[in-house]
C-alpha cells in the first residue's frame, strides 16, 4: 500500500511540474503596444552618463506576455547606440542594475521591496496596475476608454536620477 501511495505521489508531482513549467501568463492584447511605448520612452528619458556604456538592459520581473515582443525588440533595435538586452529576474534578489525594469501586473504586490532593492540605481520602473505611479513607479500603463495610456510620475523619475523630456510629459498623464 505504501509503495502504491509513493507511486501516486510521484506521478502527481511529475504532472504538476509539467503543468507549472509550461505556465504562460495570460495573453495581453496590448503587449505589442506596450513594448512600442517602452522603446519610445527611451527616446525621451535621459540616464546618467555611467548608464550610456555597455548594453542597454531591460529587466523583467517574472514572466509576462510582453517577453516575446521585448526579445524581438532586443534583436532588432539599438537604444542610444547601445545593444539592447532583455533580462528576466525570477525573484527580487536576482534583480541587478538595469535601465528599465518592467513589473507585470502579476508581480505588482512586490513593488515596494523592488524599490528598496534598486534604491540608488537609475532605473526606470514601469508597471501596469492602477495606482502604482503614486506608489513609486515612474511609468504605469493604464487603459482609458479602451485605449492604452500611461501615467508618468516625474518626482519618482527625479528620485531615480532620470531626466524626463517635457515632450514625454505632455504625452502621458502626470501623477504627483
N, C-alpha and C. Protein backbone atom coordinates (compact mmCIF):
# COMPACT_ATOMS: atom_id res chain seq x y z
N UNK A 1 0.83 -1.20 0.00
CA UNK A 1 0.00 0.00 0.00
C UNK A 1 0.87 1.26 0.00
N UNK A 2 1.93 1.28 0.82
CA UNK A 2 2.83 2.43 0.91
C UNK A 2 3.53 2.67 -0.43
N UNK A 3 3.93 1.58 -1.08
CA UNK A 3 4.59 1.68 -2.38
C UNK A 3 3.63 2.28 -3.42
N UNK A 4 2.37 1.89 -3.36
CA UNK A 4 1.35 2.42 -4.27
C UNK A 4 1.16 3.93 -4.05
N UNK A 5 1.13 4.38 -2.79
CA UNK A 5 0.97 5.80 -2.49
C UNK A 5 2.16 6.61 -2.98
N UNK A 6 3.35 6.08 -2.79
CA UNK A 6 4.55 6.78 -3.27
C UNK A 6 4.50 6.96 -4.79
N UNK A 7 4.08 5.90 -5.46
CA UNK A 7 3.98 5.95 -6.91
C UNK A 7 2.96 7.03 -7.33
N UNK A 8 1.83 7.08 -6.64
CA UNK A 8 0.81 8.09 -6.95
C UNK A 8 1.34 9.49 -6.70
N UNK A 9 2.03 9.68 -5.57
CA UNK A 9 2.60 11.00 -5.25
C UNK A 9 3.65 11.40 -6.28
N UNK A 10 4.44 10.44 -6.71
CA UNK A 10 5.46 10.70 -7.75
C UNK A 10 4.80 11.14 -9.05
N UNK A 11 3.76 10.42 -9.43
CA UNK A 11 3.04 10.76 -10.65
C UNK A 11 2.41 12.14 -10.53
N UNK A 12 1.82 12.43 -9.40
CA UNK A 12 1.21 13.74 -9.17
C UNK A 12 2.27 14.84 -9.23
N UNK A 13 3.41 14.61 -8.61
CA UNK A 13 4.49 15.59 -8.62
C UNK A 13 4.96 15.86 -10.06
N UNK A 14 5.15 14.82 -10.82
CA UNK A 14 5.60 14.98 -12.21
C UNK A 14 4.54 15.72 -13.02
N UNK A 15 3.29 15.36 -12.83
CA UNK A 15 2.19 16.02 -13.54
C UNK A 15 2.14 17.51 -13.21
N UNK A 16 2.21 17.85 -11.93
CA UNK A 16 2.18 19.26 -11.52
C UNK A 16 3.41 20.02 -12.03
N UNK A 17 4.55 19.38 -12.00
CA UNK A 17 5.78 20.01 -12.51
C UNK A 17 5.65 20.36 -13.99
N UNK A 18 5.07 19.45 -14.75
CA UNK A 18 4.88 19.71 -16.18
C UNK A 18 3.92 20.86 -16.41
N UNK A 19 2.86 20.90 -15.65
CA UNK A 19 1.88 21.98 -15.79
C UNK A 19 2.51 23.31 -15.43
N UNK A 20 3.20 23.37 -14.29
CA UNK A 20 3.79 24.63 -13.84
C UNK A 20 4.92 25.10 -14.73
N UNK A 21 5.70 24.17 -15.26
CA UNK A 21 6.82 24.58 -16.12
C UNK A 21 6.34 25.12 -17.46
N UNK A 22 5.15 24.74 -17.87
CA UNK A 22 4.63 25.23 -19.14
C UNK A 22 3.69 26.42 -18.95
N UNK A 23 3.62 26.94 -17.73
CA UNK A 23 2.74 28.07 -17.47
C UNK A 23 3.15 29.28 -18.29
N UNK A 24 2.19 29.87 -18.94
CA UNK A 24 2.42 31.12 -19.66
C UNK A 24 1.40 32.11 -19.15
N UNK A 25 1.82 33.34 -18.92
CA UNK A 25 0.86 34.33 -18.43
C UNK A 25 -0.24 34.56 -19.47
N UNK A 26 -1.38 35.03 -19.02
CA UNK A 26 -2.46 35.29 -19.97
C UNK A 26 -2.02 36.28 -21.04
N UNK A 27 -2.48 36.07 -22.23
CA UNK A 27 -2.11 36.95 -23.34
C UNK A 27 -2.62 38.37 -23.07
N UNK A 28 -1.78 39.33 -23.34
CA UNK A 28 -2.14 40.73 -23.18
C UNK A 28 -2.37 41.29 -24.58
N UNK A 29 -3.60 41.68 -24.89
CA UNK A 29 -3.86 42.18 -26.24
C UNK A 29 -3.08 43.46 -26.56
N UNK A 30 -2.59 44.14 -25.52
CA UNK A 30 -1.83 45.37 -25.73
C UNK A 30 -0.32 45.16 -25.60
N UNK A 31 0.14 43.92 -25.61
CA UNK A 31 1.56 43.63 -25.40
C UNK A 31 2.44 44.37 -26.41
N UNK A 32 2.11 44.27 -27.68
CA UNK A 32 2.93 44.93 -28.71
C UNK A 32 2.95 46.46 -28.51
N UNK A 33 1.80 47.00 -28.17
CA UNK A 33 1.71 48.45 -27.95
C UNK A 33 2.58 48.86 -26.77
N UNK A 34 2.54 48.09 -25.69
CA UNK A 34 3.34 48.40 -24.51
C UNK A 34 4.83 48.34 -24.82
N UNK A 35 5.22 47.37 -25.61
CA UNK A 35 6.64 47.26 -25.99
C UNK A 35 7.06 48.45 -26.85
N UNK A 36 6.19 48.88 -27.75
CA UNK A 36 6.49 50.07 -28.57
C UNK A 36 6.61 51.29 -27.66
N UNK A 37 5.70 51.41 -26.69
CA UNK A 37 5.80 52.50 -25.72
C UNK A 37 7.14 52.44 -24.99
N UNK A 38 7.50 51.27 -24.48
CA UNK A 38 8.76 51.12 -23.72
C UNK A 38 9.94 51.57 -24.58
N UNK A 39 9.97 51.12 -25.82
CA UNK A 39 11.05 51.53 -26.71
C UNK A 39 11.06 53.04 -26.89
N UNK A 40 9.90 53.62 -27.11
CA UNK A 40 9.83 55.07 -27.33
C UNK A 40 10.14 55.88 -26.06
N UNK A 41 9.86 55.33 -24.89
CA UNK A 41 10.23 56.02 -23.64
C UNK A 41 11.73 56.30 -23.63
N UNK A 42 12.52 55.39 -24.19
CA UNK A 42 13.98 55.54 -24.16
C UNK A 42 14.45 56.76 -24.94
N UNK A 43 13.63 57.25 -25.85
CA UNK A 43 13.99 58.43 -26.64
C UNK A 43 13.75 59.73 -25.88
N UNK A 44 12.97 59.66 -24.81
CA UNK A 44 12.57 60.86 -24.08
C UNK A 44 13.04 60.88 -22.63
N UNK A 45 13.86 59.92 -22.28
CA UNK A 45 14.39 59.85 -20.91
C UNK A 45 15.90 59.80 -21.00
N UNK A 46 16.53 60.56 -20.15
CA UNK A 46 17.99 60.58 -20.12
C UNK A 46 18.49 59.93 -18.84
N UNK A 47 19.37 58.95 -19.01
CA UNK A 47 20.01 58.27 -17.90
C UNK A 47 21.35 58.94 -17.62
N UNK A 48 21.88 58.77 -16.42
CA UNK A 48 23.21 59.33 -16.11
C UNK A 48 24.26 58.78 -17.09
N UNK A 49 25.36 59.50 -17.24
CA UNK A 49 26.39 59.14 -18.22
C UNK A 49 26.95 57.73 -18.00
N UNK A 50 27.02 57.27 -16.77
CA UNK A 50 27.53 55.92 -16.50
C UNK A 50 26.65 54.84 -17.13
N UNK A 51 25.40 55.16 -17.39
CA UNK A 51 24.47 54.20 -17.99
C UNK A 51 24.53 54.21 -19.51
N UNK A 52 25.38 55.04 -20.08
CA UNK A 52 25.46 55.14 -21.53
C UNK A 52 26.57 54.26 -22.10
N UNK A 53 27.14 53.42 -21.25
CA UNK A 53 28.19 52.49 -21.66
C UNK A 53 27.68 51.07 -21.51
N UNK A 54 28.17 50.17 -22.33
CA UNK A 54 27.75 48.77 -22.25
C UNK A 54 26.39 48.56 -22.87
N UNK A 55 25.74 47.48 -22.46
CA UNK A 55 24.42 47.15 -23.00
C UNK A 55 23.33 47.98 -22.35
N UNK A 56 22.26 48.19 -23.09
CA UNK A 56 21.05 48.82 -22.54
C UNK A 56 20.18 47.66 -22.06
N UNK A 57 20.00 47.56 -20.75
CA UNK A 57 19.33 46.40 -20.16
C UNK A 57 17.89 46.73 -19.77
N UNK A 58 16.98 45.93 -20.31
CA UNK A 58 15.58 45.99 -19.91
C UNK A 58 15.32 44.73 -19.09
N UNK A 59 15.03 44.94 -17.82
CA UNK A 59 14.75 43.82 -16.93
C UNK A 59 13.26 43.60 -16.80
N UNK A 60 12.90 42.35 -16.57
CA UNK A 60 11.50 41.98 -16.38
C UNK A 60 11.44 41.11 -15.13
N UNK A 61 10.57 41.49 -14.20
CA UNK A 61 10.39 40.68 -13.00
C UNK A 61 9.35 39.61 -13.28
N UNK A 62 9.79 38.36 -13.28
CA UNK A 62 8.88 37.24 -13.52
C UNK A 62 8.59 37.03 -14.99
N UNK A 63 7.48 36.37 -15.23
CA UNK A 63 7.09 36.01 -16.59
C UNK A 63 5.96 36.94 -17.04
N UNK A 64 5.99 37.34 -18.28
CA UNK A 64 4.97 38.23 -18.80
C UNK A 64 4.77 37.96 -20.29
N UNK A 65 3.57 38.25 -20.76
CA UNK A 65 3.29 38.06 -22.18
C UNK A 65 4.04 39.06 -23.06
N UNK A 66 4.71 40.05 -22.46
CA UNK A 66 5.49 41.02 -23.22
C UNK A 66 6.85 40.46 -23.64
N UNK A 67 7.30 39.38 -23.00
CA UNK A 67 8.65 38.87 -23.27
C UNK A 67 8.95 38.59 -24.73
N UNK A 68 8.10 37.89 -25.47
CA UNK A 68 8.44 37.64 -26.88
C UNK A 68 8.64 38.94 -27.67
N UNK A 69 7.79 39.91 -27.43
CA UNK A 69 7.92 41.18 -28.16
C UNK A 69 9.14 41.97 -27.68
N UNK A 70 9.45 41.89 -26.39
CA UNK A 70 10.67 42.55 -25.89
C UNK A 70 11.91 41.90 -26.48
N UNK A 71 11.90 40.58 -26.61
CA UNK A 71 13.05 39.89 -27.20
C UNK A 71 13.22 40.24 -28.67
N UNK A 72 12.12 40.41 -29.38
CA UNK A 72 12.18 40.86 -30.77
C UNK A 72 12.77 42.26 -30.83
N UNK A 73 12.34 43.12 -29.93
CA UNK A 73 12.89 44.48 -29.84
C UNK A 73 14.40 44.42 -29.66
N UNK A 74 14.84 43.58 -28.73
CA UNK A 74 16.27 43.49 -28.44
C UNK A 74 17.07 43.00 -29.65
N UNK A 75 16.50 42.13 -30.44
CA UNK A 75 17.20 41.61 -31.62
C UNK A 75 17.26 42.61 -32.76
N UNK A 76 16.30 43.54 -32.79
CA UNK A 76 16.17 44.40 -33.97
C UNK A 76 16.51 45.87 -33.74
N UNK A 77 16.66 46.29 -32.51
CA UNK A 77 16.87 47.72 -32.22
C UNK A 77 18.09 47.93 -31.33
N UNK A 78 18.66 49.11 -31.48
CA UNK A 78 19.64 49.57 -30.50
C UNK A 78 19.01 50.78 -29.83
N UNK A 79 19.50 51.09 -28.66
CA UNK A 79 18.96 52.22 -27.90
C UNK A 79 20.11 53.16 -27.57
N UNK A 80 20.05 54.34 -28.17
CA UNK A 80 21.13 55.30 -27.95
C UNK A 80 22.49 54.76 -28.33
N UNK A 81 22.54 53.92 -29.35
CA UNK A 81 23.80 53.32 -29.78
C UNK A 81 24.22 52.11 -28.96
N UNK A 82 23.43 51.73 -27.97
CA UNK A 82 23.74 50.58 -27.13
C UNK A 82 22.94 49.36 -27.58
N UNK A 83 23.57 48.20 -27.50
CA UNK A 83 22.88 46.95 -27.78
C UNK A 83 21.82 46.74 -26.70
N UNK A 84 20.64 46.34 -27.10
CA UNK A 84 19.54 46.11 -26.16
C UNK A 84 19.56 44.65 -25.71
N UNK A 85 19.44 44.44 -24.40
CA UNK A 85 19.44 43.11 -23.81
C UNK A 85 18.25 42.99 -22.87
N UNK A 86 17.55 41.86 -22.93
CA UNK A 86 16.43 41.60 -22.03
C UNK A 86 16.89 40.60 -20.98
N UNK A 87 16.65 40.94 -19.71
CA UNK A 87 16.99 40.02 -18.62
C UNK A 87 15.74 39.76 -17.80
N UNK A 88 15.48 38.50 -17.55
CA UNK A 88 14.34 38.11 -16.74
C UNK A 88 14.83 37.79 -15.33
N UNK A 89 14.21 38.40 -14.35
CA UNK A 89 14.54 38.15 -12.95
C UNK A 89 13.39 37.37 -12.32
N UNK A 90 13.68 36.19 -11.84
CA UNK A 90 12.64 35.35 -11.27
C UNK A 90 12.25 35.80 -9.86
N UNK A 91 13.17 36.44 -9.16
CA UNK A 91 12.91 36.90 -7.80
C UNK A 91 13.56 38.26 -7.60
N UNK A 92 13.10 38.98 -6.61
CA UNK A 92 13.65 40.32 -6.33
C UNK A 92 15.14 40.25 -6.07
N UNK A 93 15.58 39.22 -5.37
CA UNK A 93 17.01 39.10 -5.04
C UNK A 93 17.88 38.98 -6.29
N UNK A 94 17.30 38.57 -7.41
CA UNK A 94 18.05 38.40 -8.67
C UNK A 94 18.24 39.71 -9.44
N UNK A 95 17.46 40.73 -9.08
CA UNK A 95 17.50 41.99 -9.84
C UNK A 95 18.87 42.63 -9.75
N UNK A 96 19.38 43.03 -10.90
CA UNK A 96 20.66 43.73 -11.00
C UNK A 96 20.41 45.09 -11.65
N UNK A 97 21.48 45.85 -11.77
CA UNK A 97 21.37 47.17 -12.39
C UNK A 97 20.82 47.02 -13.81
N UNK A 98 19.77 47.78 -14.09
CA UNK A 98 19.21 47.78 -15.43
C UNK A 98 18.66 49.18 -15.71
N UNK A 99 18.50 49.49 -16.96
CA UNK A 99 17.96 50.80 -17.35
C UNK A 99 16.47 50.89 -17.09
N UNK A 100 15.77 49.83 -17.50
CA UNK A 100 14.32 49.76 -17.33
C UNK A 100 14.00 48.46 -16.60
N UNK A 101 13.07 48.54 -15.67
CA UNK A 101 12.57 47.33 -15.01
C UNK A 101 11.07 47.31 -15.16
N UNK A 102 10.58 46.30 -15.87
CA UNK A 102 9.15 46.13 -16.07
C UNK A 102 8.61 45.17 -15.03
N UNK A 103 7.58 45.61 -14.31
CA UNK A 103 6.93 44.78 -13.30
C UNK A 103 5.51 44.49 -13.79
N UNK A 104 5.25 43.26 -14.24
CA UNK A 104 3.91 42.93 -14.75
C UNK A 104 2.88 42.93 -13.63
N UNK A 105 1.65 43.01 -14.00
CA UNK A 105 0.55 43.11 -13.04
C UNK A 105 0.58 41.98 -12.01
N UNK A 106 1.01 40.79 -12.43
CA UNK A 106 1.05 39.65 -11.52
C UNK A 106 2.07 39.85 -10.38
N UNK A 107 3.03 40.73 -10.57
CA UNK A 107 4.07 40.98 -9.56
C UNK A 107 3.91 42.35 -8.91
N UNK A 108 2.77 43.01 -9.13
CA UNK A 108 2.54 44.36 -8.63
C UNK A 108 2.68 44.48 -7.12
N UNK A 109 2.33 43.42 -6.41
CA UNK A 109 2.41 43.46 -4.95
C UNK A 109 3.86 43.50 -4.46
N UNK A 110 4.82 43.33 -5.35
CA UNK A 110 6.23 43.34 -4.97
C UNK A 110 6.92 44.68 -5.26
N UNK A 111 6.14 45.70 -5.62
CA UNK A 111 6.73 46.99 -5.97
C UNK A 111 7.58 47.56 -4.83
N UNK A 112 7.05 47.58 -3.63
CA UNK A 112 7.79 48.18 -2.51
C UNK A 112 9.14 47.51 -2.27
N UNK A 113 9.21 46.16 -2.15
CA UNK A 113 10.53 45.55 -1.98
C UNK A 113 11.45 45.74 -3.19
N UNK A 114 10.88 45.82 -4.40
CA UNK A 114 11.69 46.09 -5.58
C UNK A 114 12.33 47.47 -5.47
N UNK A 115 11.54 48.46 -5.06
CA UNK A 115 12.07 49.82 -4.92
C UNK A 115 13.19 49.87 -3.90
N UNK A 116 13.09 49.10 -2.83
CA UNK A 116 14.17 49.03 -1.84
C UNK A 116 15.42 48.41 -2.46
N UNK A 117 15.23 47.37 -3.26
CA UNK A 117 16.35 46.66 -3.89
C UNK A 117 17.10 47.58 -4.87
N UNK A 118 16.38 48.41 -5.62
CA UNK A 118 17.03 49.22 -6.66
C UNK A 118 17.35 50.65 -6.18
N UNK A 119 17.12 50.93 -4.92
CA UNK A 119 17.39 52.28 -4.40
C UNK A 119 18.83 52.66 -4.73
N UNK A 120 19.00 53.86 -5.26
CA UNK A 120 20.32 54.34 -5.65
C UNK A 120 20.68 54.02 -7.09
N UNK A 121 19.87 53.21 -7.75
CA UNK A 121 20.11 52.89 -9.16
C UNK A 121 19.23 53.81 -10.01
N UNK A 122 19.70 54.15 -11.16
CA UNK A 122 18.91 54.98 -12.08
C UNK A 122 18.10 54.08 -12.99
N UNK A 123 17.04 53.54 -12.43
CA UNK A 123 16.21 52.58 -13.14
C UNK A 123 14.83 53.16 -13.38
N UNK A 124 14.38 53.05 -14.62
CA UNK A 124 13.03 53.45 -14.98
C UNK A 124 12.11 52.27 -14.66
N UNK A 125 11.30 52.43 -13.62
CA UNK A 125 10.39 51.36 -13.20
C UNK A 125 9.06 51.56 -13.93
N UNK A 126 8.66 50.52 -14.68
CA UNK A 126 7.42 50.56 -15.45
C UNK A 126 6.50 49.47 -14.91
N UNK A 127 5.26 49.87 -14.58
CA UNK A 127 4.28 48.95 -14.02
C UNK A 127 3.01 48.98 -14.86
N UNK A 128 2.02 48.18 -14.44
CA UNK A 128 0.77 48.15 -15.21
C UNK A 128 -0.45 47.88 -14.33
N UNK A 129 -0.46 48.48 -13.15
CA UNK A 129 -1.62 48.33 -12.27
C UNK A 129 -1.99 49.69 -11.73
N UNK A 130 -3.26 50.02 -11.77
CA UNK A 130 -3.74 51.33 -11.31
C UNK A 130 -3.18 51.68 -9.95
N UNK A 131 -2.71 52.92 -9.83
CA UNK A 131 -2.23 53.45 -8.56
C UNK A 131 -0.75 53.29 -8.30
N UNK A 132 -0.03 52.53 -9.11
CA UNK A 132 1.38 52.27 -8.81
C UNK A 132 2.30 53.45 -9.12
N UNK A 133 1.89 54.36 -9.97
CA UNK A 133 2.72 55.56 -10.21
C UNK A 133 2.75 56.43 -8.96
N UNK A 134 1.72 56.37 -8.16
CA UNK A 134 1.70 57.11 -6.89
C UNK A 134 2.50 56.38 -5.81
N UNK A 135 2.76 55.10 -6.02
CA UNK A 135 3.43 54.29 -5.00
C UNK A 135 4.91 54.05 -5.30
N UNK A 136 5.42 54.65 -6.39
CA UNK A 136 6.86 54.53 -6.62
C UNK A 136 7.31 54.25 -8.03
N UNK A 137 6.44 53.74 -8.90
CA UNK A 137 6.90 53.51 -10.27
C UNK A 137 6.99 54.86 -10.99
N UNK A 138 7.78 54.90 -12.04
CA UNK A 138 7.92 56.13 -12.82
C UNK A 138 6.83 56.19 -13.88
N UNK A 139 6.62 55.05 -14.56
CA UNK A 139 5.60 54.97 -15.60
C UNK A 139 4.69 53.80 -15.28
N UNK A 140 3.40 54.02 -15.45
CA UNK A 140 2.40 52.99 -15.17
C UNK A 140 1.41 52.94 -16.33
N UNK A 141 1.31 51.76 -16.95
CA UNK A 141 0.36 51.58 -18.04
C UNK A 141 -1.06 51.48 -17.48
N UNK A 142 -1.98 52.17 -18.15
CA UNK A 142 -3.40 52.10 -17.79
C UNK A 142 -4.22 52.07 -19.07
N UNK A 143 -5.45 51.63 -18.95
CA UNK A 143 -6.40 51.68 -20.07
C UNK A 143 -7.41 52.78 -19.78
N UNK A 144 -7.60 53.66 -20.74
CA UNK A 144 -8.59 54.72 -20.61
C UNK A 144 -9.48 54.64 -21.84
N UNK A 145 -10.75 54.35 -21.61
CA UNK A 145 -11.72 54.21 -22.70
C UNK A 145 -11.22 53.26 -23.79
N UNK A 146 -10.74 52.10 -23.34
CA UNK A 146 -10.22 51.05 -24.22
C UNK A 146 -9.01 51.47 -25.05
N UNK A 147 -8.28 52.46 -24.56
CA UNK A 147 -7.04 52.89 -25.23
C UNK A 147 -5.89 52.76 -24.24
N UNK A 148 -4.75 52.30 -24.77
CA UNK A 148 -3.56 52.17 -23.94
C UNK A 148 -2.97 53.55 -23.68
N UNK A 149 -2.83 53.88 -22.40
CA UNK A 149 -2.25 55.16 -21.98
C UNK A 149 -1.21 54.86 -20.92
N UNK A 150 -0.54 55.91 -20.47
CA UNK A 150 0.40 55.72 -19.37
C UNK A 150 0.40 56.93 -18.45
N UNK A 151 0.63 56.63 -17.18
CA UNK A 151 0.82 57.67 -16.17
C UNK A 151 2.32 57.86 -16.01
N UNK A 152 2.72 59.08 -15.71
CA UNK A 152 4.14 59.37 -15.54
C UNK A 152 4.32 60.19 -14.26
N UNK A 153 5.17 59.70 -13.37
CA UNK A 153 5.45 60.40 -12.13
C UNK A 153 6.86 60.99 -12.21
N UNK A 154 6.94 62.28 -12.52
CA UNK A 154 8.23 62.95 -12.71
C UNK A 154 9.03 62.99 -11.41
N UNK A 155 8.35 63.11 -10.28
CA UNK A 155 9.04 63.11 -8.99
C UNK A 155 9.79 61.80 -8.79
N UNK A 156 9.14 60.67 -9.10
CA UNK A 156 9.81 59.38 -8.98
C UNK A 156 10.97 59.26 -9.96
N UNK A 157 10.81 59.81 -11.15
CA UNK A 157 11.90 59.80 -12.14
C UNK A 157 13.10 60.57 -11.59
N UNK A 158 12.86 61.75 -11.04
CA UNK A 158 13.94 62.56 -10.49
C UNK A 158 14.64 61.84 -9.34
N UNK A 159 13.86 61.16 -8.48
CA UNK A 159 14.44 60.40 -7.37
C UNK A 159 15.40 59.33 -7.88
N UNK A 160 15.10 58.80 -9.06
CA UNK A 160 15.92 57.74 -9.65
C UNK A 160 17.04 58.29 -10.54
N UNK A 161 17.21 59.60 -10.56
CA UNK A 161 18.28 60.20 -11.35
C UNK A 161 18.00 60.23 -12.83
N UNK A 162 16.74 60.21 -13.20
CA UNK A 162 16.35 60.22 -14.61
C UNK A 162 15.80 61.58 -14.98
N UNK A 163 16.13 62.03 -16.18
CA UNK A 163 15.61 63.30 -16.68
C UNK A 163 14.57 62.99 -17.74
N UNK A 164 13.35 63.48 -17.52
CA UNK A 164 12.24 63.21 -18.43
C UNK A 164 11.98 64.42 -19.30
N UNK A 165 11.91 64.20 -20.60
CA UNK A 165 11.63 65.26 -21.55
C UNK A 165 10.22 65.80 -21.35
N UNK A 166 10.06 67.09 -21.56
CA UNK A 166 8.73 67.69 -21.46
C UNK A 166 7.80 67.11 -22.53
N UNK A 167 8.37 66.67 -23.66
CA UNK A 167 7.56 66.04 -24.71
C UNK A 167 6.90 64.77 -24.19
N UNK A 168 7.64 63.97 -23.43
CA UNK A 168 7.07 62.74 -22.88
C UNK A 168 6.02 63.09 -21.83
N UNK A 169 6.32 64.11 -21.04
CA UNK A 169 5.34 64.54 -20.01
C UNK A 169 4.02 64.93 -20.67
N UNK A 170 4.09 65.57 -21.82
CA UNK A 170 2.86 66.01 -22.48
C UNK A 170 2.06 64.84 -23.07
N UNK A 171 2.72 63.72 -23.31
CA UNK A 171 2.04 62.56 -23.88
C UNK A 171 1.38 61.68 -22.82
N UNK A 172 1.89 61.76 -21.59
CA UNK A 172 1.37 60.92 -20.51
C UNK A 172 0.42 61.67 -19.61
N UNK A 173 -0.09 60.95 -18.64
CA UNK A 173 -0.95 61.54 -17.62
C UNK A 173 -0.08 61.80 -16.40
N UNK A 174 0.11 63.07 -16.07
CA UNK A 174 1.02 63.44 -14.98
C UNK A 174 0.44 63.01 -13.64
N UNK A 175 1.30 62.37 -12.84
CA UNK A 175 0.96 61.92 -11.49
C UNK A 175 2.00 62.50 -10.54
N UNK A 176 1.53 63.01 -9.43
CA UNK A 176 2.49 63.52 -8.42
C UNK A 176 2.48 62.65 -7.18
